[in-house]
Protein backbone atom coordinates (compact mmCIF):
# COMPACT_ATOMS: atom_id res chain seq x y z
CA MET A 1 51.02 17.46 7.55
CA THR A 2 48.93 14.32 7.21
CA LEU A 3 46.20 12.78 9.29
CA ASP A 4 45.92 9.04 9.62
CA GLN A 5 42.82 7.63 11.25
CA ALA A 6 43.57 3.98 10.56
CA ARG A 7 43.75 3.18 14.29
CA TYR A 8 40.48 5.00 14.88
CA CYS A 9 38.84 3.01 12.06
CA LYS A 10 40.05 -0.24 13.59
CA SER A 11 38.72 0.81 16.99
CA ILE A 12 35.30 1.46 15.44
CA ILE A 13 35.37 -2.00 13.86
CA ASN A 14 36.26 -3.59 17.20
CA ARG A 15 33.77 -1.52 19.16
CA PHE A 16 30.72 -1.87 16.94
CA LEU A 17 31.05 -4.51 14.24
CA GLU A 18 33.04 -7.31 15.84
CA LYS A 19 31.31 -6.83 19.19
CA ALA A 20 27.97 -7.18 17.41
CA GLY A 21 29.17 -10.40 15.81
CA ALA A 22 28.52 -8.95 12.37
CA LYS A 23 29.89 -10.95 9.50
CA LYS A 24 31.80 -9.18 6.77
CA LYS A 25 29.64 -8.99 3.66
CA PRO A 26 31.00 -8.87 0.13
CA ARG A 27 30.83 -5.49 -1.55
CA PHE A 28 28.44 -5.22 -4.48
CA GLN A 29 27.84 -1.48 -4.85
CA ASP A 30 29.94 1.49 -5.87
CA THR A 31 28.50 3.81 -3.24
CA ILE A 32 28.60 3.77 0.55
CA LEU A 33 24.84 3.17 0.84
CA PRO A 34 23.11 0.89 -1.67
CA ALA A 35 21.02 2.78 -4.25
CA GLU A 36 17.84 1.04 -3.09
CA PHE A 37 18.39 2.10 0.54
CA VAL A 38 16.14 5.05 1.30
CA PRO A 39 15.79 5.59 5.05
CA SER A 40 12.48 7.08 6.04
CA ALA A 41 10.43 7.87 9.12
CA GLU A 42 8.13 4.92 8.32
CA ASP A 43 11.08 2.59 9.03
CA CYS A 44 11.47 3.92 12.59
CA SER A 45 10.60 1.80 15.59
CA LYS A 46 7.15 2.46 17.03
CA ASP A 47 8.51 3.65 20.39
CA GLU A 48 11.81 4.06 22.20
CA GLY A 49 11.40 0.73 24.04
CA THR A 50 11.18 -1.12 20.73
CA ALA A 51 14.23 0.76 19.49
CA LYS A 52 16.19 -0.27 22.62
CA ASN A 53 15.19 -3.91 22.12
CA LEU A 54 16.32 -3.72 18.52
CA GLN A 55 19.69 -2.30 19.57
CA VAL A 56 20.08 -5.15 22.06
CA GLU A 57 19.18 -7.66 19.33
CA TYR A 58 21.77 -6.22 16.96
CA ALA A 59 24.23 -5.67 19.86
CA ILE A 60 25.00 -2.18 18.63
CA ASP A 61 24.41 1.25 20.13
CA PHE A 62 23.12 3.03 17.05
CA ALA A 63 23.66 6.60 18.28
CA SER A 64 27.24 5.89 19.39
CA CYS A 65 28.03 4.16 16.11
CA VAL A 66 26.67 7.04 14.04
CA GLY A 67 28.50 9.54 16.28
CA ALA A 68 31.80 7.73 15.83
CA LEU A 69 31.27 7.65 12.08
CA LEU A 70 30.39 11.36 12.06
CA TYR A 71 33.71 12.10 13.75
CA LEU A 72 35.46 9.97 11.15
CA SER A 73 33.73 11.92 8.37
CA TYR A 74 35.78 15.02 9.23
CA THR A 75 38.70 13.41 7.44
CA ARG A 76 36.63 11.21 5.11
CA PRO A 77 34.18 13.59 3.39
CA ASN A 78 33.09 10.83 1.00
CA ILE A 79 31.08 9.19 3.82
CA THR A 80 29.35 12.32 5.08
CA TYR A 81 26.16 11.97 3.02
CA ALA A 82 25.53 8.38 4.16
CA ILE A 83 26.23 9.13 7.81
CA VAL A 84 24.02 12.23 7.88
CA LYS A 85 21.18 10.18 6.32
CA LEU A 86 21.46 7.64 9.16
CA ALA A 87 21.95 10.30 11.84
CA LYS A 88 18.40 11.56 11.28
CA PHE A 89 17.06 8.40 12.92
CA THR A 90 19.19 8.07 16.05
CA ARG A 91 16.26 8.47 18.43
CA ARG A 92 14.17 5.50 17.24
CA PRO A 93 16.12 3.50 14.65
CA GLY A 94 14.34 0.64 12.93
CA VAL A 95 15.56 -2.57 11.32
CA ASN A 96 16.22 -0.82 8.01
CA HIS A 97 18.37 1.79 9.77
CA MET A 98 20.34 -0.88 11.65
CA GLU A 99 21.03 -2.77 8.44
CA GLY A 100 22.03 0.51 6.78
CA SER A 101 24.48 1.34 9.54
CA LEU A 102 26.13 -2.08 9.23
CA ILE A 103 26.32 -1.79 5.44
CA THR A 104 27.76 1.71 5.73
CA SER A 105 30.34 0.62 8.29
CA PHE A 106 31.49 -2.28 6.13
CA GLU A 107 31.69 -0.11 3.03
CA ILE A 108 33.71 2.57 4.84
CA PHE A 109 36.31 0.10 6.03
CA GLU A 110 36.53 -1.67 2.67
CA ARG A 111 37.69 1.54 0.97
């Protein structure tokens, strides 16, 4: 028995990355998240209104994107660490978290 989530991966790309108008970036690292990326509470938006404005600016619903990637991690355990790191900040994501989610999404679909 095999599981193939290729269609689900493509739907995530269409739903979050292409809708956001994100450009595909070349891959430079060997890991899902870059080594210098350390998400922290200091990177969070100051309030929920600022976080909503940031999500509108990036045209991405951060919580839905992280949730979709969490579901994908059931069959792709290599992405679990990166997704769980980002999931900690779903309430008030900041710019660093948004960039991290885009990088993670691109890296997942490159592999």
